[in-house]
C-alpha atoms as a PDB file:
ATOM      1  CA  MET A   1      20.393  28.884   9.110  1.00  0.00           C
ATOM      2  CA  ALA A   2      18.406  29.923  12.200  1.00  0.00           C
ATOM      3  CA  VAL A   3      14.633  29.116  12.421  1.00  0.00           C
ATOM      4  CA  LYS A   4      12.738  32.117  12.482  1.00  0.00           C
ATOM      5  CA  ILE A   5       9.273  32.713  13.368  1.00  0.00           C
ATOM      6  CA  ASP A   6       8.228  33.896  10.289  1.00  0.00           C
ATOM      7  CA  SER A   7       8.525  30.086   8.938  1.00  0.00           C
ATOM      8  CA  ILE A   8       5.286  29.132  10.577  1.00  0.00           C
ATOM      9  CA  ARG A   9       2.780  28.400   8.326  1.00  0.00           C
ATOM     10  CA  LYS A  10      -0.927  27.359   8.515  1.00  0.00           C
ATOM     11  CA  GLY A  11      -3.096  25.418   5.928  1.00  0.00           C
ATOM     12  CA  VAL A  12      -3.573  22.261   4.372  1.00  0.00           C
ATOM     13  CA  ARG A  13      -0.762  20.997   2.414  1.00  0.00           C
ATOM     14  CA  ILE A  14      -2.233  18.492  -0.412  1.00  0.00           C
ATOM     15  CA  LYS A  15       0.202  16.178  -2.027  1.00  0.00           C
ATOM     16  CA  PRO A  16       0.066  13.175  -3.843  1.00  0.00           C
ATOM     17  CA  PRO A  17      -1.028  10.292  -1.968  1.00  0.00           C
ATOM     18  CA  LYS A  18       1.040   7.730  -0.850  1.00  0.00           C
ATOM     19  CA  VAL A  19      -1.493   4.377  -0.872  1.00  0.00           C
ATOM     20  CA  VAL A  20      -1.047   0.773   0.193  1.00  0.00           C
ATOM     21  CA  LEU A  21      -3.692  -1.437  -1.338  1.00  0.00           C
ATOM     22  CA  TYR A  22      -4.068  -4.604  -0.276  1.00  0.00           C
ATOM     23  CA  GLY A  23      -6.404  -7.596  -0.398  1.00  0.00           C
ATOM     24  CA  VAL A  24      -7.668 -11.186  -1.527  1.00  0.00           C
ATOM     25  CA  GLY A  25      -6.184 -12.410  -4.694  1.00  0.00           C
ATOM     26  CA  GLY A  26      -7.402 -11.770  -7.994  1.00  0.00           C
ATOM     27  CA  ILE A  27      -9.702  -9.097  -6.823  1.00  0.00           C
ATOM     28  CA  GLY A  28      -8.063  -6.619  -9.780  1.00  0.00           C
ATOM     29  CA  LYS A  29      -5.658  -4.837  -7.601  1.00  0.00           C
ATOM     30  CA  THR A  30      -3.378  -4.084 -10.427  1.00  0.00           C
ATOM     31  CA  THR A  31      -6.130  -2.981 -12.499  1.00  0.00           C
ATOM     32  CA  TRP A  32      -7.164  -0.578  -9.755  1.00  0.00           C
ATOM     33  CA  ALA A  33      -3.563   0.863  -9.655  1.00  0.00           C
ATOM     34  CA  ALA A  34      -3.301   0.984 -13.606  1.00  0.00           C
ATOM     35  CA  ALA A  35      -6.310   3.773 -13.787  1.00  0.00           C
ATOM     36  CA  ALA A  36      -4.319   6.224 -11.863  1.00  0.00           C
ATOM     37  CA  PRO A  37      -2.694   9.273 -13.815  1.00  0.00           C
ATOM     38  CA  LYS A  38       0.019   7.987 -15.885  1.00  0.00           C
ATOM     39  CA  PRO A  39       1.477   5.115 -13.838  1.00  0.00           C
ATOM     40  CA  ILE A  40       4.450   3.524 -14.167  1.00  0.00           C
ATOM     41  CA  PHE A  41       4.923   0.140 -13.078  1.00  0.00           C
ATOM     42  CA  LEU A  42       7.747  -1.994 -11.030  1.00  0.00           C
ATOM     43  CA  PHE A  43       6.939  -5.389 -11.532  1.00  0.00           C
ATOM     44  CA  THR A  44       8.151  -8.007  -8.579  1.00  0.00           C
ATOM     45  CA  GLU A  45       5.890 -10.686  -9.985  1.00  0.00           C
ATOM     46  CA  GLU A  46       3.971 -11.196 -13.350  1.00  0.00           C
ATOM     47  CA  GLY A  47       0.726 -10.073 -12.195  1.00  0.00           C
ATOM     48  CA  GLN A  48      -0.177  -7.622 -14.995  1.00  0.00           C
ATOM     49  CA  GLY A  49      -2.315 -10.259 -16.985  1.00  0.00           C
ATOM     50  CA  MET A  50      -3.648  -8.495 -20.081  1.00  0.00           C
ATOM     51  CA  LEU A  51      -2.831  -5.294 -19.015  1.00  0.00           C
ATOM     52  CA  ASP A  52      -1.053  -2.774 -21.085  1.00  0.00           C
ATOM     53  CA  VAL A  53       1.090  -0.881 -18.815  1.00  0.00           C
ATOM     54  CA  PRO A  54       4.408   0.985 -18.792  1.00  0.00           C
ATOM     55  CA  ARG A  55       7.011  -0.860 -16.715  1.00  0.00           C
ATOM     56  CA  PHE A  56      10.568  -1.271 -15.965  1.00  0.00           C
ATOM     57  CA  GLU A  57      12.125  -4.252 -17.697  1.00  0.00           C
ATOM     58  CA  PRO A  58      15.761  -4.307 -16.560  1.00  0.00           C
ATOM     59  CA  ASP A  59      17.765  -6.615 -18.778  1.00  0.00           C
ATOM     60  CA  GLY A  60      14.923  -7.483 -20.600  1.00  0.00           C
ATOM     61  CA  LYS A  61      13.196  -9.545 -17.558  1.00  0.00           C
ATOM     62  CA  PRO A  62       9.515  -9.140 -17.183  1.00  0.00           C
ATOM     63  CA  THR A  63       9.905  -8.637 -13.141  1.00  0.00           C
ATOM     64  CA  ILE A  64      12.493  -6.879 -10.914  1.00  0.00           C
ATOM     65  CA  GLN A  65      15.132  -9.336 -10.374  1.00  0.00           C
ATOM     66  CA  SER A  66      16.718  -7.626  -7.139  1.00  0.00           C
ATOM     67  CA  TRP A  67      16.639  -5.196  -4.377  1.00  0.00           C
ATOM     68  CA  GLU A  68      19.352  -3.188  -5.762  1.00  0.00           C
ATOM     69  CA  GLN A  69      17.316  -3.157  -9.573  1.00  0.00           C
ATOM     70  CA  ALA A  70      14.115  -1.588  -7.524  1.00  0.00           C
ATOM     71  CA  ILE A  71      16.147   0.949  -5.931  1.00  0.00           C
ATOM     72  CA  GLU A  72      17.875   1.952  -9.161  1.00  0.00           C
ATOM     73  CA  CYS A  73      14.762   2.219 -10.947  1.00  0.00           C
ATOM     74  CA  LEU A  74      13.153   4.384  -8.295  1.00  0.00           C
ATOM     75  CA  SER A  75      16.599   6.721  -8.496  1.00  0.00           C
ATOM     76  CA  VAL A  76      15.888   6.912 -12.375  1.00  0.00           C
ATOM     77  CA  LEU A  77      12.606   7.974 -12.125  1.00  0.00           C
ATOM     78  CA  HIS A  78      14.147  10.662  -9.516  1.00  0.00           C
ATOM     79  CA  SER A  79      16.641  11.691 -11.773  1.00  0.00           C
ATOM     80  CA  GLU A  80      15.822  11.508 -15.289  1.00  0.00           C
ATOM     81  CA  GLU A  81      12.842  13.210 -17.357  1.00  0.00           C
ATOM     82  CA  HIS A  82       9.724  11.620 -18.047  1.00  0.00           C
ATOM     83  CA  ASP A  83       5.981  12.357 -17.656  1.00  0.00           C
ATOM     84  CA  PHE A  84       4.862   9.563 -15.380  1.00  0.00           C
ATOM     85  CA  ASN A  85       2.638  10.820 -12.343  1.00  0.00           C
ATOM     86  CA  THR A  86       2.343   7.762 -10.378  1.00  0.00           C
ATOM     87  CA  VAL A  87       4.651   5.210  -9.485  1.00  0.00           C
ATOM     88  CA  VAL A  88       3.547   1.373  -8.889  1.00  0.00           C
ATOM     89  CA  ILE A  89       5.174  -1.346  -7.216  1.00  0.00           C
ATOM     90  CA  ASP A  90       3.276  -4.640  -7.565  1.00  0.00           C
ATOM     91  CA  SER A  91       3.663  -6.321  -5.388  1.00  0.00           C
ATOM     92  CA  LEU A  92       5.398  -5.374  -2.037  1.00  0.00           C
ATOM     93  CA  ASP A  93       5.325  -9.008  -0.580  1.00  0.00           C
ATOM     94  CA  PHE A  94       6.987 -10.577  -3.703  1.00  0.00           C
ATOM     95  CA  CYS A  95       9.653  -7.606  -3.310  1.00  0.00           C
ATOM     96  CA  GLU A  96      10.186  -8.601   0.328  1.00  0.00           C
ATOM     97  CA  PRO A  97      12.411 -11.807  -0.762  1.00  0.00           C
ATOM     98  CA  LEU A  98      14.606  -9.280  -2.702  1.00  0.00           C
ATOM     99  CA  LEU A  99      14.948  -7.385   0.431  1.00  0.00           C
ATOM    100  CA  GLN A 100      15.693 -10.104   2.753  1.00  0.00           C
ATOM    101  CA  SER A 101      18.235 -11.363   0.182  1.00  0.00           C
ATOM    102  CA  TYR A 102      20.112  -7.951   0.149  1.00  0.00           C
ATOM    103  CA  ALA A 103      19.893  -7.190   3.484  1.00  0.00           C
ATOM    104  CA  ALA A 104      21.516 -10.282   4.270  1.00  0.00           C
ATOM    105  CA  ARG A 105      23.970 -10.471   1.554  1.00  0.00           C
ATOM    106  CA  SER A 106      25.175  -7.034   2.202  1.00  0.00           C
ATOM    107  CA  ARG A 107      26.154  -7.861   5.631  1.00  0.00           C
ATOM    108  CA  GLY A 108      28.011 -11.235   4.693  1.00  0.00           C
ATOM    109  CA  LYS A 109      25.234 -13.765   5.490  1.00  0.00           C
ATOM    110  CA  ASP A 110      23.825 -16.530   3.568  1.00  0.00           C
ATOM    111  CA  GLY A 111      20.234 -15.970   4.435  1.00  0.00           C
ATOM    112  CA  ILE A 112      18.091 -13.740   6.888  1.00  0.00           C
ATOM    113  CA  GLU A 113      17.767 -16.183   9.482  1.00  0.00           C
ATOM    114  CA  ASP A 114      21.615 -16.232   9.879  1.00  0.00           C
ATOM    115  CA  PHE A 115      21.576 -13.230  12.064  1.00  0.00           C
ATOM    116  CA  GLY A 116      19.836 -14.982  14.842  1.00  0.00           C
ATOM    117  CA  PHE A 117      17.732 -13.615  17.608  1.00  0.00           C
ATOM    118  CA  GLY A 118      15.512 -11.824  14.633  1.00  0.00           C
ATOM    119  CA  LYS A 119      18.277  -9.405  14.126  1.00  0.00           C
ATOM    120  CA  GLY A 120      18.162 -10.104  10.280  1.00  0.00           C
ATOM    121  CA  TYR A 121      14.356  -8.702  10.132  1.00  0.00           C
ATOM    122  CA  THR A 122      15.282  -5.710  11.924  1.00  0.00           C
ATOM    123  CA  PHE A 123      18.121  -5.270   9.216  1.00  0.00           C
ATOM    124  CA  ALA A 124      15.504  -5.665   6.367  1.00  0.00           C
ATOM    125  CA  VAL A 125      13.104  -2.927   7.877  1.00  0.00           C
ATOM    126  CA  ASP A 126      16.528  -0.801   7.857  1.00  0.00           C
ATOM    127  CA  ASP A 127      16.981  -1.200   4.371  1.00  0.00           C
ATOM    128  CA  ALA A 128      13.533  -0.884   3.324  1.00  0.00           C
ATOM    129  CA  MET A 129      13.571   2.659   4.683  1.00  0.00           C
ATOM    130  CA  VAL A 130      15.917   3.580   1.658  1.00  0.00           C
ATOM    131  CA  MET A 131      12.923   2.457  -0.402  1.00  0.00           C
ATOM    132  CA  LEU A 132      10.526   4.541   1.440  1.00  0.00           C
ATOM    133  CA  ARG A 133      12.767   7.296   1.378  1.00  0.00           C
ATOM    134  CA  TRP A 134      13.079   7.473  -2.464  1.00  0.00           C
ATOM    135  CA  LEU A 135       9.523   7.172  -2.693  1.00  0.00           C
ATOM    136  CA  ASP A 136       8.938  10.067  -0.484  1.00  0.00           C
ATOM    137  CA  ALA A 137      11.612  12.225  -3.014  1.00  0.00           C
ATOM    138  CA  LEU A 138       9.231  11.314  -5.758  1.00  0.00           C
ATOM    139  CA  ARG A 139       6.402  12.712  -4.080  1.00  0.00           C
ATOM    140  CA  ASP A 140       8.025  15.670  -2.858  1.00  0.00           C
ATOM    141  CA  ASN A 141      10.651  16.445  -5.870  1.00  0.00           C
ATOM    142  CA  ARG A 142       8.650  15.245  -8.515  1.00  0.00           C
ATOM    143  CA  ASN A 143       4.958  15.489  -7.614  1.00  0.00           C
ATOM    144  CA  MET A 144       4.102  11.574  -7.948  1.00  0.00           C
ATOM    145  CA  ALA A 145       1.712   9.373  -5.976  1.00  0.00           C
ATOM    146  CA  ILE A 146       2.716   6.005  -4.765  1.00  0.00           C
ATOM    147  CA  ILE A 147       0.913   2.947  -5.119  1.00  0.00           C
ATOM    148  CA  LEU A 148       2.245   0.081  -3.337  1.00  0.00           C
ATOM    149  CA  ILE A 149       0.222  -3.288  -3.872  1.00  0.00           C
ATOM    150  CA  CYS A 150       0.172  -6.079  -1.395  1.00  0.00           C
ATOM    151  CA  HIS A 151      -1.301  -9.442  -1.081  1.00  0.00           C
ATOM    152  CA  ALA A 152      -3.469 -10.169   2.145  1.00  0.00           C
ATOM    153  CA  GLU A 153      -2.966 -12.943   4.943  1.00  0.00           C
ATOM    154  CA  SER A 154      -5.291 -13.799   7.614  1.00  0.00           C
ATOM    155  CA  LYS A 155      -3.731 -14.071  11.074  1.00  0.00           C
ATOM    156  CA  ARG A 156      -4.696 -14.425  14.424  1.00  0.00           C
ATOM    157  CA  PHE A 157      -4.719 -11.156  16.465  1.00  0.00           C
ATOM    158  CA  GLU A 158      -4.286 -11.697  20.086  1.00  0.00           C
ATOM    159  CA  SER A 159      -6.383  -8.535  21.582  1.00  0.00           C
ATOM    160  CA  PRO A 160      -5.514  -7.423  24.985  1.00  0.00           C
ATOM    161  CA  ASP A 161      -9.023  -6.711  26.160  1.00  0.00           C
ATOM    162  CA  ALA A 162     -11.244  -9.350  24.294  1.00  0.00           C
ATOM    163  CA  GLU A 163     -10.999 -12.673  22.510  1.00  0.00           C
ATOM    164  CA  SER A 164      -8.412 -13.637  20.125  1.00  0.00           C
ATOM    165  CA  TYR A 165      -9.762 -13.324  16.557  1.00  0.00           C
ATOM    166  CA  ASP A 166      -8.535 -13.377  12.936  1.00  0.00           C
ATOM    167  CA  ARG A 167      -7.825 -10.429  11.023  1.00  0.00           C
ATOM    168  CA  TYR A 168      -6.465  -9.195   7.433  1.00  0.00           C
ATOM    169  CA  LYS A 169      -3.187  -7.694   7.435  1.00  0.00           C
ATOM    170  CA  LEU A 170      -0.141  -7.191   4.772  1.00  0.00           C
ATOM    171  CA  LYS A 171       1.397 -10.217   3.777  1.00  0.00           C
ATOM    172  CA  LEU A 172       4.558  -9.130   5.165  1.00  0.00           C
ATOM    173  CA  HIS A 173       6.899 -10.073   8.246  1.00  0.00           C
ATOM    174  CA  ASP A 174       5.429  -8.104  11.085  1.00  0.00           C
ATOM    175  CA  ARG A 175       7.941  -5.403  11.608  1.00  0.00           C
ATOM    176  CA  LEU A 176       8.081  -4.449   7.729  1.00  0.00           C
ATOM    177  CA  ALA A 177       4.296  -4.365   7.763  1.00  0.00           C
ATOM    178  CA  ALA A 178       4.099  -2.332  10.798  1.00  0.00           C
ATOM    179  CA  ARG A 179       6.565   0.217   9.215  1.00  0.00           C
ATOM    180  CA  VAL A 180       5.036   0.558   5.789  1.00  0.00           C
ATOM    181  CA  TYR A 181       1.441   0.919   7.585  1.00  0.00           C
ATOM    182  CA  ASP A 182       2.638   3.791   9.760  1.00  0.00           C
ATOM    183  CA  TRP A 183       4.641   5.291   6.520  1.00  0.00           C
ATOM    184  CA  ALA A 184       1.317   5.404   4.062  1.00  0.00           C
ATOM    185  CA  ASP A 185      -1.353   7.753   3.993  1.00  0.00           C
ATOM    186  CA  CYS A 186      -3.722   5.353   3.177  1.00  0.00           C
ATOM    187  CA  VAL A 187      -3.689   1.669   3.977  1.00  0.00           C
ATOM    188  CA  LEU A 188      -6.782   0.243   1.777  1.00  0.00           C
ATOM    189  CA  PHE A 189      -8.373  -3.296   2.332  1.00  0.00           C
ATOM    190  CA  SER A 190     -10.219  -4.625  -0.653  1.00  0.00           C
ATOM    191  CA  ASN A 191     -12.551  -7.588  -1.061  1.00  0.00           C
ATOM    192  CA  TYR A 192     -15.890  -8.896  -2.058  1.00  0.00           C
ATOM    193  CA  LYS A 193     -19.174  -7.689  -0.383  1.00  0.00           C
ATOM    194  CA  ALA A 194     -20.639 -10.483   1.214  1.00  0.00           C
ATOM    195  CA  HIS A 195     -23.897 -10.808   3.206  1.00  0.00           C
ATOM    196  CA  VAL A 196     -24.628 -13.755   5.748  1.00  0.00           C
ATOM    197  CA  VAL A 197     -27.887 -15.293   5.414  1.00  0.00           C
ATOM    198  CA  ARG A 198     -29.572 -17.974   7.577  1.00  0.00           C
ATOM    199  CA  ASP A 199     -31.068 -21.007   6.406  1.00  0.00           C
ATOM    200  CA  LYS A 200     -33.775 -22.955   8.277  1.00  0.00           C
ATOM    201  CA  GLU A 201     -33.122 -26.602   8.735  1.00  0.00           C
ATOM    202  CA  ALA A 202     -34.639 -29.456  10.542  1.00  0.00           C
ATOM    203  CA  PHE A 203     -35.413 -29.456  14.159  1.00  0.00           C
ATOM    204  CA  GLY A 204     -35.426 -25.726  14.552  1.00  0.00           C
ATOM    205  CA  GLN A 205     -31.423 -25.498  13.379  1.00  0.00           C
ATOM    206  CA  GLU A 206     -30.049 -22.534  11.370  1.00  0.00           C
ATOM    207  CA  ARG A 207     -27.241 -22.529   9.032  1.00  0.00           C
ATOM    208  CA  LYS A 208     -25.146 -19.623   8.027  1.00  0.00           C
ATOM    209  CA  ARG A 209     -23.693 -18.795   4.802  1.00  0.00           C
ATOM    210  CA  ALA A 210     -22.106 -16.053   2.741  1.00  0.00           C
ATOM    211  CA  VAL A 211     -23.626 -14.731  -0.481  1.00  0.00           C
ATOM    212  CA  GLY A 212     -22.671 -12.092  -2.859  1.00  0.00           C
ATOM    213  CA  ILE A 213     -22.740 -10.710  -6.157  1.00  0.00           C
ATOM    214  CA  GLY A 214     -19.196 -10.093  -6.834  1.00  0.00           C
ATOM    215  CA  GLU A 215     -19.232  -6.636  -5.485  1.00  0.00           C
ATOM    216  CA  ARG A 216     -15.986  -5.352  -4.647  1.00  0.00           C
ATOM    217  CA  ILE A 217     -15.099  -2.649  -2.037  1.00  0.00           C
ATOM    218  CA  ILE A 218     -12.648  -0.864  -0.744  1.00  0.00           C
ATOM    219  CA  TYR A 219     -12.321  -0.329   3.141  1.00  0.00           C
ATOM    220  CA  THR A 220     -10.634   2.977   4.222  1.00  0.00           C
ATOM    221  CA  GLU A 221     -10.989   2.457   7.786  1.00  0.00           C
ATOM    222  CA  GLU A 222      -9.804  -0.383  10.483  1.00  0.00           C
ATOM    223  CA  ARG A 223     -11.980  -2.905  11.977  1.00  0.00           C
ATOM    224  CA  PRO A 224     -11.584  -6.060  13.837  1.00  0.00           C
ATOM    225  CA  ALA A 225     -11.513  -7.937  10.665  1.00  0.00           C
ATOM    226  CA  PHE A 226      -8.965  -6.279   8.514  1.00  0.00           C
ATOM    227  CA  TRP A 227      -6.384  -3.312   8.785  1.00  0.00           C
ATOM    228  CA  ALA A 228      -6.994  -0.726   7.285  1.00  0.00           C
ATOM    229  CA  LYS A 229      -6.622   3.634   7.523  1.00  0.00           C
ATOM    230  CA  ASN A 230      -6.591   7.117   5.766  1.00  0.00           C
ATOM    231  CA  ARG A 231      -5.713  10.444   6.562  1.00  0.00           C
ATOM    232  CA  TYR A 232      -8.026  12.296   4.239  1.00  0.00           C
ATOM    233  CA  SER A 233     -11.480  11.615   6.086  1.00  0.00           C
ATOM    234  CA  LEU A 234     -12.582   9.145   3.280  1.00  0.00           C
ATOM    235  CA  PRO A 235     -16.141   7.121   3.811  1.00  0.00           C
ATOM    236  CA  PRO A 236     -15.522   4.128   5.297  1.00  0.00           C
ATOM    237  CA  GLU A 237     -16.283   2.097   2.053  1.00  0.00           C
ATOM    238  CA  LEU A 238     -15.548   3.069  -1.603  1.00  0.00           C
ATOM    239  CA  PRO A 239     -16.472   1.123  -4.926  1.00  0.00           C
ATOM    240  CA  MET A 240     -13.176  -0.507  -6.221  1.00  0.00           C
ATOM    241  CA  SER A 241     -12.420   2.215  -8.948  1.00  0.00           C
ATOM    242  CA  TRP A 242      -9.508   4.530  -8.825  1.00  0.00           C
ATOM    243  CA  GLY A 243     -11.788   7.346 -10.221  1.00  0.00           C
ATOM    244  CA  ALA A 244     -13.932   6.600  -6.794  1.00  0.00           C
ATOM    245  CA  PHE A 245     -10.754   6.854  -4.529  1.00  0.00           C
ATOM    246  CA  GLN A 246      -9.512  10.259  -6.596  1.00  0.00           C
ATOM    247  CA  ASP A 247     -13.136  11.970  -5.956  1.00  0.00           C
ATOM    248  CA  ALA A 248     -13.363  11.052  -2.112  1.00  0.00           C
ATOM    249  CA  VAL A 249      -9.985  12.514  -1.737  1.00  0.00           C
ATOM    250  CA  SER A 250     -10.767  15.785  -3.883  1.00  0.00           C
ATOM    251  CA  ARG A 251     -14.154  15.947  -2.184  1.00  0.00           C
ATOM    252  CA  ALA A 252     -12.199  15.532   1.378  1.00  0.00           C
ATOM    253  CA  ALA A 253     -10.009  18.582   0.019  1.00  0.00           C
ATOM    254  CA  ALA A 254     -12.397  20.589  -1.009  1.00  0.00           C
ATOM    255  CA  ALA A 255     -14.253  20.074   2.517  1.00  0.00           C
ATOM    256  CA  ALA A 256     -11.087  21.459   4.287  1.00  0.00           C
ATOM    257  CA  ARG A 257     -10.578  24.101   2.224  1.00  0.00           C
ATOM    258  CA  GLY A 258     -14.463  25.132   2.936  1.00  0.00           C
ATOM    259  CA  ALA A 259     -13.787  24.884   6.530  1.00  0.00           C
ATOM    260  CA  GLY A 260     -11.349  27.777   6.201  1.00  0.00           C
ATOM    261  CA  GLN A 261      -8.315  26.046   5.696  1.00  0.00           C
ATOM    262  CA  GLN A 262      -6.647  27.388   2.891  1.00  0.00           C
ATOM    263  CA  PRO A 263      -3.827  25.097   1.615  1.00  0.00           C
ATOM    264  CA  ASP A 264      -0.338  26.829   1.804  1.00  0.00           C
ATOM    265  CA  SER A 265       0.798  28.238  -1.237  1.00  0.00           C
ATOM    266  CA  LYS A 266       4.626  27.393  -0.630  1.00  0.00           C
END
């Protein structure tokens, strides 16, 4: 069918968010996701602790055992009737070995390194796109929000215009991390709020130390110390609660409407 000029639309399209939440260990990433509307979890690691949340348990196992199982779970959510509003993969970095194993096996190799010249990781990213397309379908066709949980790692960043420095990023192979970063609406970094204090010591010397009260923060904008981004004009920092994130997204949507950009009804 030919494209016609009357197919052009204006207005803000508000869809459920595609969120990647990553951060330091034990900060409460799973608890944050569990507060989202009617979540269903695909656990690739036993990280639910004492949380009682709906989850897939293929073959009676507490975690997803293969890449094929993960894709099948997403297919079931897309094709069968249910009332879940959010799909959570916990965690993405524990899912990556399943992806790499599949990328190798499906192409007749024993391991991801057997391809040589980094080709295996390129194949893994190609296969990862299948999962991302399923997640897009769940959002577009089933109106589900998407949350991907990931651990953080600190890696040296070689800046082209400054001295190199360490920064937090997704604990994934660089190629996969970049693809997931581009795909997401929000990449949120969670960490404890810390302040640096200076103690006076002998002979005029100073000693710096970090102090904090355990306050947990989500950062929504990139800084030299970490990856982050959002497509909703969120505040740079939010308390680490799903409610705070949801309220901030709602305020941003209301502001867009108030600016005269009525959301498209189609």
